[in-house]
Amino acid sequence: MLAESLVAAALEQSGWSPSTLVDVVTDGARGMRALVTSVAPRVAPKILDWFHPGMELQAVKSPLFAQATTSRRALSS
């Protein structure tokens, strides 16, 4: 598979060896972790990337904040 070859090449270029413990930082999706574990036998425990969940919360907060701001303006008029 092309993706596995690319991951293997990137790991080897970084000095990886089969005994190296690899960190996989993801947004919770299984795809990337499964891809890396198919190439590297030693993968560290799961690490959640908080950027992606934070962006999801930001997307929810923005319309709610806009609605609350609009409601306050209407009340103060």
PDB file of N, CA and C in Angstrom:
ATOM      1  N   MET A   1       0.848  -1.183   0.000  1.00  0.00           N
ATOM      2  CA  MET A   1       0.000   0.000   0.000  1.00  0.00           C
ATOM      3  C   MET A   1       0.892   1.244   0.000  1.00  0.00           C
ATOM      4  N   LEU A   2       0.510   2.225  -0.754  1.00  0.00           N
ATOM      5  CA  LEU A   2       1.301   3.447  -0.891  1.00  0.00           C
ATOM      6  C   LEU A   2       1.430   4.195   0.435  1.00  0.00           C
ATOM      7  N   ALA A   3       0.342   4.325   1.184  1.00  0.00           N
ATOM      8  CA  ALA A   3       0.380   5.069   2.448  1.00  0.00           C
ATOM      9  C   ALA A   3       1.347   4.424   3.431  1.00  0.00           C
ATOM     10  N   GLU A   4       1.325   3.102   3.526  1.00  0.00           N
ATOM     11  CA  GLU A   4       2.245   2.407   4.434  1.00  0.00           C
ATOM     12  C   GLU A   4       3.694   2.626   4.014  1.00  0.00           C
ATOM     13  N   SER A   5       3.954   2.628   2.710  1.00  0.00           N
ATOM     14  CA  SER A   5       5.308   2.875   2.211  1.00  0.00           C
ATOM     15  C   SER A   5       5.778   4.274   2.566  1.00  0.00           C
ATOM     16  N   LEU A   6       4.882   5.251   2.455  1.00  0.00           N
ATOM     17  CA  LEU A   6       5.234   6.634   2.800  1.00  0.00           C
ATOM     18  C   LEU A   6       5.519   6.780   4.294  1.00  0.00           C
ATOM     19  N   VAL A   7       4.693   6.149   5.124  1.00  0.00           N
ATOM     20  CA  VAL A   7       4.919   6.204   6.579  1.00  0.00           C
ATOM     21  C   VAL A   7       6.241   5.526   6.913  1.00  0.00           C
ATOM     22  N   ALA A   8       6.492   4.366   6.334  1.00  0.00           N
ATOM     23  CA  ALA A   8       7.750   3.649   6.592  1.00  0.00           C
ATOM     24  C   ALA A   8       8.950   4.491   6.184  1.00  0.00           C
ATOM     25  N   ALA A   9       8.867   5.134   5.023  1.00  0.00           N
ATOM     26  CA  ALA A   9       9.970   5.975   4.549  1.00  0.00           C
ATOM     27  C   ALA A   9      10.191   7.165   5.480  1.00  0.00           C
ATOM     28  N   ALA A  10       9.105   7.797   5.928  1.00  0.00           N
ATOM     29  CA  ALA A  10       9.229   8.946   6.836  1.00  0.00           C
ATOM     30  C   ALA A  10       9.843   8.516   8.165  1.00  0.00           C
ATOM     31  N   LEU A  11       9.420   7.372   8.678  1.00  0.00           N
ATOM     32  CA  LEU A  11       9.976   6.877   9.935  1.00  0.00           C
ATOM     33  C   LEU A  11      11.465   6.567   9.789  1.00  0.00           C
ATOM     34  N   GLU A  12      11.826   5.888   8.725  1.00  0.00           N
ATOM     35  CA  GLU A  12      13.231   5.544   8.502  1.00  0.00           C
ATOM     36  C   GLU A  12      14.090   6.791   8.323  1.00  0.00           C
ATOM     37  N   GLN A  13      13.567   7.795   7.639  1.00  0.00           N
ATOM     38  CA  GLN A  13      14.294   9.046   7.436  1.00  0.00           C
ATOM     39  C   GLN A  13      14.515   9.765   8.773  1.00  0.00           C
ATOM     40  N   SER A  14      13.610   9.533   9.729  1.00  0.00           N
ATOM     41  CA  SER A  14      13.723  10.160  11.047  1.00  0.00           C
ATOM     42  C   SER A  14      14.617   9.380  11.998  1.00  0.00           C
ATOM     43  N   GLY A  15      15.183   8.266  11.523  1.00  0.00           N
ATOM     44  CA  GLY A  15      16.068   7.489  12.371  1.00  0.00           C
ATOM     45  C   GLY A  15      15.366   6.362  13.120  1.00  0.00           C
ATOM     46  N   TRP A  16      14.173   6.011  12.702  1.00  0.00           N
ATOM     47  CA  TRP A  16      13.392   4.976  13.350  1.00  0.00           C
ATOM     48  C   TRP A  16      14.023   3.608  13.137  1.00  0.00           C
ATOM     49  N   SER A  17      13.892   2.755  14.145  1.00  0.00           N
ATOM     50  CA  SER A  17      14.251   1.349  14.015  1.00  0.00           C
ATOM     51  C   SER A  17      13.113   0.544  14.643  1.00  0.00           C
ATOM     52  N   PRO A  18      13.028  -0.762  14.365  1.00  0.00           N
ATOM     53  CA  PRO A  18      11.923  -1.554  14.913  1.00  0.00           C
ATOM     54  C   PRO A  18      11.815  -1.528  16.440  1.00  0.00           C
ATOM     55  N   SER A  19      12.877  -1.179  17.134  1.00  0.00           N
ATOM     56  CA  SER A  19      12.819  -1.109  18.598  1.00  0.00           C
ATOM     57  C   SER A  19      12.405   0.270  19.121  1.00  0.00           C
ATOM     58  N   THR A  20      12.258   1.243  18.225  1.00  0.00           N
ATOM     59  CA  THR A  20      11.881   2.605  18.609  1.00  0.00           C
ATOM     60  C   THR A  20      10.401   2.680  18.977  1.00  0.00           C
ATOM     61  N   LEU A  21      10.114   3.321  20.092  1.00  0.00           N
ATOM     62  CA  LEU A  21       8.730   3.564  20.498  1.00  0.00           C
ATOM     63  C   LEU A  21       8.228   4.798  19.749  1.00  0.00           C
ATOM     64  N   VAL A  22       7.114   4.662  19.044  1.00  0.00           N
ATOM     65  CA  VAL A  22       6.588   5.738  18.193  1.00  0.00           C
ATOM     66  C   VAL A  22       5.366   6.364  18.856  1.00  0.00           C
ATOM     67  N   ASP A  23       5.329   7.695  18.911  1.00  0.00           N
ATOM     68  CA  ASP A  23       4.148   8.426  19.377  1.00  0.00           C
ATOM     69  C   ASP A  23       3.272   8.746  18.178  1.00  0.00           C
ATOM     70  N   VAL A  24       1.974   8.504  18.311  1.00  0.00           N
ATOM     71  CA  VAL A  24       1.020   8.846  17.269  1.00  0.00           C
ATOM     72  C   VAL A  24       0.023   9.821  17.887  1.00  0.00           C
ATOM     73  N   VAL A  25       0.052  11.065  17.458  1.00  0.00           N
ATOM     74  CA  VAL A  25      -0.861  12.080  17.964  1.00  0.00           C
ATOM     75  C   VAL A  25      -1.985  12.232  16.942  1.00  0.00           C
ATOM     76  N   THR A  26      -3.218  11.992  17.378  1.00  0.00           N
ATOM     77  CA  THR A  26      -4.343  12.029  16.444  1.00  0.00           C
ATOM     78  C   THR A  26      -5.500  12.829  17.026  1.00  0.00           C
ATOM     79  N   ASP A  27      -6.510  13.012  16.203  1.00  0.00           N
ATOM     80  CA  ASP A  27      -7.723  13.687  16.648  1.00  0.00           C
ATOM     81  C   ASP A  27      -8.771  12.687  17.135  1.00  0.00           C
ATOM     82  N   GLY A  28      -8.358  11.467  17.355  1.00  0.00           N
ATOM     83  CA  GLY A  28      -9.264  10.430  17.839  1.00  0.00           C
ATOM     84  C   GLY A  28      -9.672   9.447  16.761  1.00  0.00           C
ATOM     85  N   ALA A  29      -9.442   9.790  15.509  1.00  0.00           N
ATOM     86  CA  ALA A  29      -9.761   8.873  14.416  1.00  0.00           C
ATOM     87  C   ALA A  29      -8.797   7.690  14.440  1.00  0.00           C
ATOM     88  N   ARG A  30      -9.284   6.535  14.077  1.00  0.00           N
ATOM     89  CA  ARG A  30      -8.462   5.330  14.131  1.00  0.00           C
ATOM     90  C   ARG A  30      -7.523   5.182  12.940  1.00  0.00           C
ATOM     91  N   GLY A  31      -7.784   5.847  11.857  1.00  0.00           N
ATOM     92  CA  GLY A  31      -7.038   5.651  10.621  1.00  0.00           C
ATOM     93  C   GLY A  31      -5.543   5.850  10.739  1.00  0.00           C
ATOM     94  N   MET A  32      -5.097   6.968  11.274  1.00  0.00           N
ATOM     95  CA  MET A  32      -3.669   7.253  11.347  1.00  0.00           C
ATOM     96  C   MET A  32      -2.961   6.291  12.295  1.00  0.00           C
ATOM     97  N   ARG A  33      -3.555   6.045  13.435  1.00  0.00           N
ATOM     98  CA  ARG A  33      -2.937   5.126  14.391  1.00  0.00           C
ATOM     99  C   ARG A  33      -2.806   3.730  13.779  1.00  0.00           C
ATOM    100  N   ALA A  34      -3.833   3.261  13.101  1.00  0.00           N
ATOM    101  CA  ALA A  34      -3.788   1.942  12.463  1.00  0.00           C
ATOM    102  C   ALA A  34      -2.719   1.912  11.371  1.00  0.00           C
ATOM    103  N   LEU A  35      -2.590   3.000  10.638  1.00  0.00           N
ATOM    104  CA  LEU A  35      -1.588   3.078   9.586  1.00  0.00           C
ATOM    105  C   LEU A  35      -0.180   2.975  10.163  1.00  0.00           C
ATOM    106  N   VAL A  36       0.090   3.719  11.230  1.00  0.00           N
ATOM    107  CA  VAL A  36       1.420   3.690  11.837  1.00  0.00           C
ATOM    108  C   VAL A  36       1.685   2.331  12.476  1.00  0.00           C
ATOM    109  N   THR A  37       0.700   1.761  13.162  1.00  0.00           N
ATOM    110  CA  THR A  37       0.931   0.461  13.799  1.00  0.00           C
ATOM    111  C   THR A  37       1.117  -0.661  12.773  1.00  0.00           C
ATOM    112  N   SER A  38       0.650  -0.458  11.555  1.00  0.00           N
ATOM    113  CA  SER A  38       0.892  -1.475  10.521  1.00  0.00           C
ATOM    114  C   SER A  38       2.352  -1.480  10.084  1.00  0.00           C
ATOM    115  N   VAL A  39       3.069  -0.382  10.353  1.00  0.00           N
ATOM    116  CA  VAL A  39       4.475  -0.261   9.964  1.00  0.00           C
ATOM    117  C   VAL A  39       5.399  -0.401  11.175  1.00  0.00           C
ATOM    118  N   ALA A  40       5.048   0.247  12.270  1.00  0.00           N
ATOM    119  CA  ALA A  40       5.891   0.279  13.473  1.00  0.00           C
ATOM    120  C   ALA A  40       5.272  -0.610  14.563  1.00  0.00           C
ATOM    121  N   PRO A  41       5.972  -1.642  14.984  1.00  0.00           N
ATOM    122  CA  PRO A  41       5.393  -2.558  15.973  1.00  0.00           C
ATOM    123  C   PRO A  41       5.273  -1.973  17.386  1.00  0.00           C
ATOM    124  N   ARG A  42       6.065  -0.969  17.695  1.00  0.00           N
ATOM    125  CA  ARG A  42       6.028  -0.391  19.049  1.00  0.00           C
ATOM    126  C   ARG A  42       5.446   1.010  18.991  1.00  0.00           C
ATOM    127  N   VAL A  43       4.189   1.148  19.415  1.00  0.00           N
ATOM    128  CA  VAL A  43       3.507   2.435  19.410  1.00  0.00           C
ATOM    129  C   VAL A  43       3.126   2.786  20.839  1.00  0.00           C
ATOM    130  N   ALA A  44       3.383   4.027  21.238  1.00  0.00           N
ATOM    131  CA  ALA A  44       3.086   4.499  22.595  1.00  0.00           C
ATOM    132  C   ALA A  44       1.574   4.524  22.826  1.00  0.00           C
ATOM    133  N   PRO A  45       1.162   4.583  24.099  1.00  0.00           N
ATOM    134  CA  PRO A  45      -0.281   4.709  24.388  1.00  0.00           C
ATOM    135  C   PRO A  45      -0.878   5.918  23.676  1.00  0.00           C
ATOM    136  N   LYS A  46      -2.177   5.882  23.497  1.00  0.00           N
ATOM    137  CA  LYS A  46      -2.871   6.936  22.740  1.00  0.00           C
ATOM    138  C   LYS A  46      -2.639   8.324  23.334  1.00  0.00           C
ATOM    139  N   ILE A  47      -2.418   9.292  22.442  1.00  0.00           N
ATOM    140  CA  ILE A  47      -2.281  10.698  22.811  1.00  0.00           C
ATOM    141  C   ILE A  47      -3.315  11.444  21.984  1.00  0.00           C
ATOM    142  N   LEU A  48      -4.199  12.167  22.642  1.00  0.00           N
ATOM    143  CA  LEU A  48      -5.230  12.913  21.925  1.00  0.00           C
ATOM    144  C   LEU A  48      -4.734  14.316  21.604  1.00  0.00           C
ATOM    145  N   ASP A  49      -4.879  14.686  20.351  1.00  0.00           N
ATOM    146  CA  ASP A  49      -4.553  16.030  19.888  1.00  0.00           C
ATOM    147  C   ASP A  49      -5.739  16.922  20.251  1.00  0.00           C
ATOM    148  N   TRP A  50      -5.562  17.881  21.151  1.00  0.00           N
ATOM    149  CA  TRP A  50      -6.662  18.726  21.613  1.00  0.00           C
ATOM    150  C   TRP A  50      -7.008  19.837  20.640  1.00  0.00           C
ATOM    151  N   PHE A  51      -6.179  20.062  19.631  1.00  0.00           N
ATOM    152  CA  PHE A  51      -6.465  21.114  18.653  1.00  0.00           C
ATOM    153  C   PHE A  51      -7.774  20.837  17.920  1.00  0.00           C
ATOM    154  N   HIS A  52      -7.936  19.631  17.400  1.00  0.00           N
ATOM    155  CA  HIS A  52      -9.123  19.306  16.605  1.00  0.00           C
ATOM    156  C   HIS A  52     -10.413  19.353  17.426  1.00  0.00           C
ATOM    157  N   PRO A  53     -10.455  18.736  18.614  1.00  0.00           N
ATOM    158  CA  PRO A  53     -11.683  18.905  19.422  1.00  0.00           C
ATOM    159  C   PRO A  53     -11.936  20.365  19.783  1.00  0.00           C
ATOM    160  N   GLY A  54     -10.864  21.134  20.017  1.00  0.00           N
ATOM    161  CA  GLY A  54     -11.015  22.552  20.323  1.00  0.00           C
ATOM    162  C   GLY A  54     -11.630  23.315  19.163  1.00  0.00           C
ATOM    163  N   MET A  55     -11.242  22.954  17.949  1.00  0.00           N
ATOM    164  CA  MET A  55     -11.815  23.606  16.773  1.00  0.00           C
ATOM    165  C   MET A  55     -13.298  23.253  16.629  1.00  0.00           C
ATOM    166  N   GLU A  56     -13.656  22.017  16.961  1.00  0.00           N
ATOM    167  CA  GLU A  56     -15.069  21.623  16.919  1.00  0.00           C
ATOM    168  C   GLU A  56     -15.874  22.452  17.921  1.00  0.00           C
ATOM    169  N   LEU A  57     -15.334  22.634  19.112  1.00  0.00           N
ATOM    170  CA  LEU A  57     -16.020  23.443  20.123  1.00  0.00           C
ATOM    171  C   LEU A  57     -16.120  24.897  19.682  1.00  0.00           C
ATOM    172  N   GLN A  58     -15.092  25.395  19.038  1.00  0.00           N
ATOM    173  CA  GLN A  58     -15.098  26.777  18.538  1.00  0.00           C
ATOM    174  C   GLN A  58     -16.208  26.957  17.500  1.00  0.00           C
ATOM    175  N   ALA A  59     -16.376  25.956  16.647  1.00  0.00           N
ATOM    176  CA  ALA A  59     -17.418  26.031  15.620  1.00  0.00           C
ATOM    177  C   ALA A  59     -18.806  26.071  16.238  1.00  0.00           C
ATOM    178  N   VAL A  60     -18.991  25.382  17.343  1.00  0.00           N
ATOM    179  CA  VAL A  60     -20.284  25.389  18.029  1.00  0.00           C
ATOM    180  C   VAL A  60     -20.470  26.695  18.788  1.00  0.00           C
ATOM    181  N   LYS A  61     -19.384  27.166  19.414  1.00  0.00           N
ATOM    182  CA  LYS A  61     -19.459  28.367  20.243  1.00  0.00           C
ATOM    183  C   LYS A  61     -19.754  29.621  19.420  1.00  0.00           C
ATOM    184  N   SER A  62     -19.202  29.735  18.244  1.00  0.00           N
ATOM    185  CA  SER A  62     -19.350  30.951  17.448  1.00  0.00           C
ATOM    186  C   SER A  62     -20.803  31.330  17.180  1.00  0.00           C
ATOM    187  N   PRO A  63     -21.638  30.404  16.667  1.00  0.00           N
ATOM    188  CA  PRO A  63     -23.046  30.788  16.446  1.00  0.00           C
ATOM    189  C   PRO A  63     -23.779  31.085  17.752  1.00  0.00           C
ATOM    190  N   LEU A  64     -23.452  30.346  18.806  1.00  0.00           N
ATOM    191  CA  LEU A  64     -24.105  30.588  20.092  1.00  0.00           C
ATOM    192  C   LEU A  64     -23.718  31.954  20.645  1.00  0.00           C
ATOM    193  N   PHE A  65     -22.441  32.313  20.523  1.00  0.00           N
ATOM    194  CA  PHE A  65     -21.969  33.604  20.993  1.00  0.00           C
ATOM    195  C   PHE A  65     -22.620  34.726  20.193  1.00  0.00           C
ATOM    196  N   ALA A  66     -22.706  34.546  18.871  1.00  0.00           N
ATOM    197  CA  ALA A  66     -23.329  35.567  18.023  1.00  0.00           C
ATOM    198  C   ALA A  66     -24.790  35.748  18.392  1.00  0.00           C
ATOM    199  N   GLN A  67     -25.489  34.663  18.652  1.00  0.00           N
ATOM    200  CA  GLN A  67     -26.896  34.735  19.027  1.00  0.00           C
ATOM    201  C   GLN A  67     -27.059  35.439  20.372  1.00  0.00           C
ATOM    202  N   ALA A  68     -26.193  35.135  21.328  1.00  0.00           N
ATOM    203  CA  ALA A  68     -26.285  35.767  22.649  1.00  0.00           C
ATOM    204  C   ALA A  68     -25.990  37.260  22.548  1.00  0.00           C
ATOM    205  N   THR A  69     -25.012  37.638  21.726  1.00  0.00           N
ATOM    206  CA  THR A  69     -24.665  39.048  21.550  1.00  0.00           C
ATOM    207  C   THR A  69     -25.824  39.802  20.900  1.00  0.00           C
ATOM    208  N   THR A  70     -26.442  39.204  19.902  1.00  0.00           N
ATOM    209  CA  THR A  70     -27.584  39.827  19.230  1.00  0.00           C
ATOM    210  C   THR A  70     -28.753  40.002  20.196  1.00  0.00           C
ATOM    211  N   SER A  71     -28.989  38.991  21.023  1.00  0.00           N
ATOM    212  CA  SER A  71     -30.086  39.062  22.006  1.00  0.00           C
ATOM    213  C   SER A  71     -29.831  40.185  23.015  1.00  0.00           C
ATOM    214  N   ARG A  72     -28.592  40.343  23.472  1.00  0.00           N
ATOM    215  CA  ARG A  72     -28.272  41.397  24.437  1.00  0.00           C
ATOM    216  C   ARG A  72     -28.477  42.778  23.818  1.00  0.00           C
ATOM    217  N   ARG A  73     -28.096  42.939  22.566  1.00  0.00           N
ATOM    218  CA  ARG A  73     -28.280  44.228  21.893  1.00  0.00           C
ATOM    219  C   ARG A  73     -29.754  44.573  21.775  1.00  0.00           C
ATOM    220  N   ALA A  74     -30.558  43.563  21.456  1.00  0.00           N
ATOM    221  CA  ALA A  74     -32.006  43.806  21.316  1.00  0.00           C
ATOM    222  C   ALA A  74     -32.620  44.220  22.657  1.00  0.00           C
ATOM    223  N   LEU A  75     -32.140  43.614  23.746  1.00  0.00           N
ATOM    224  CA  LEU A  75     -32.662  43.942  25.062  1.00  0.00           C
ATOM    225  C   LEU A  75     -32.255  45.341  25.524  1.00  0.00           C
ATOM    226  N   SER A  76     -31.053  45.772  25.120  1.00  0.00           N
ATOM    227  CA  SER A  76     -30.578  47.074  25.573  1.00  0.00           C
ATOM    228  C   SER A  76     -31.129  48.224  24.746  1.00  0.00           C
ATOM    229  N   SER A  77     -31.757  47.943  23.621  1.00  0.00           N
ATOM    230  CA  SER A  77     -32.292  49.005  22.747  1.00  0.00           C
ATOM    231  C   SER A  77     -33.600  49.539  23.239  1.00  0.00           C
TER     232      SER A  77
END
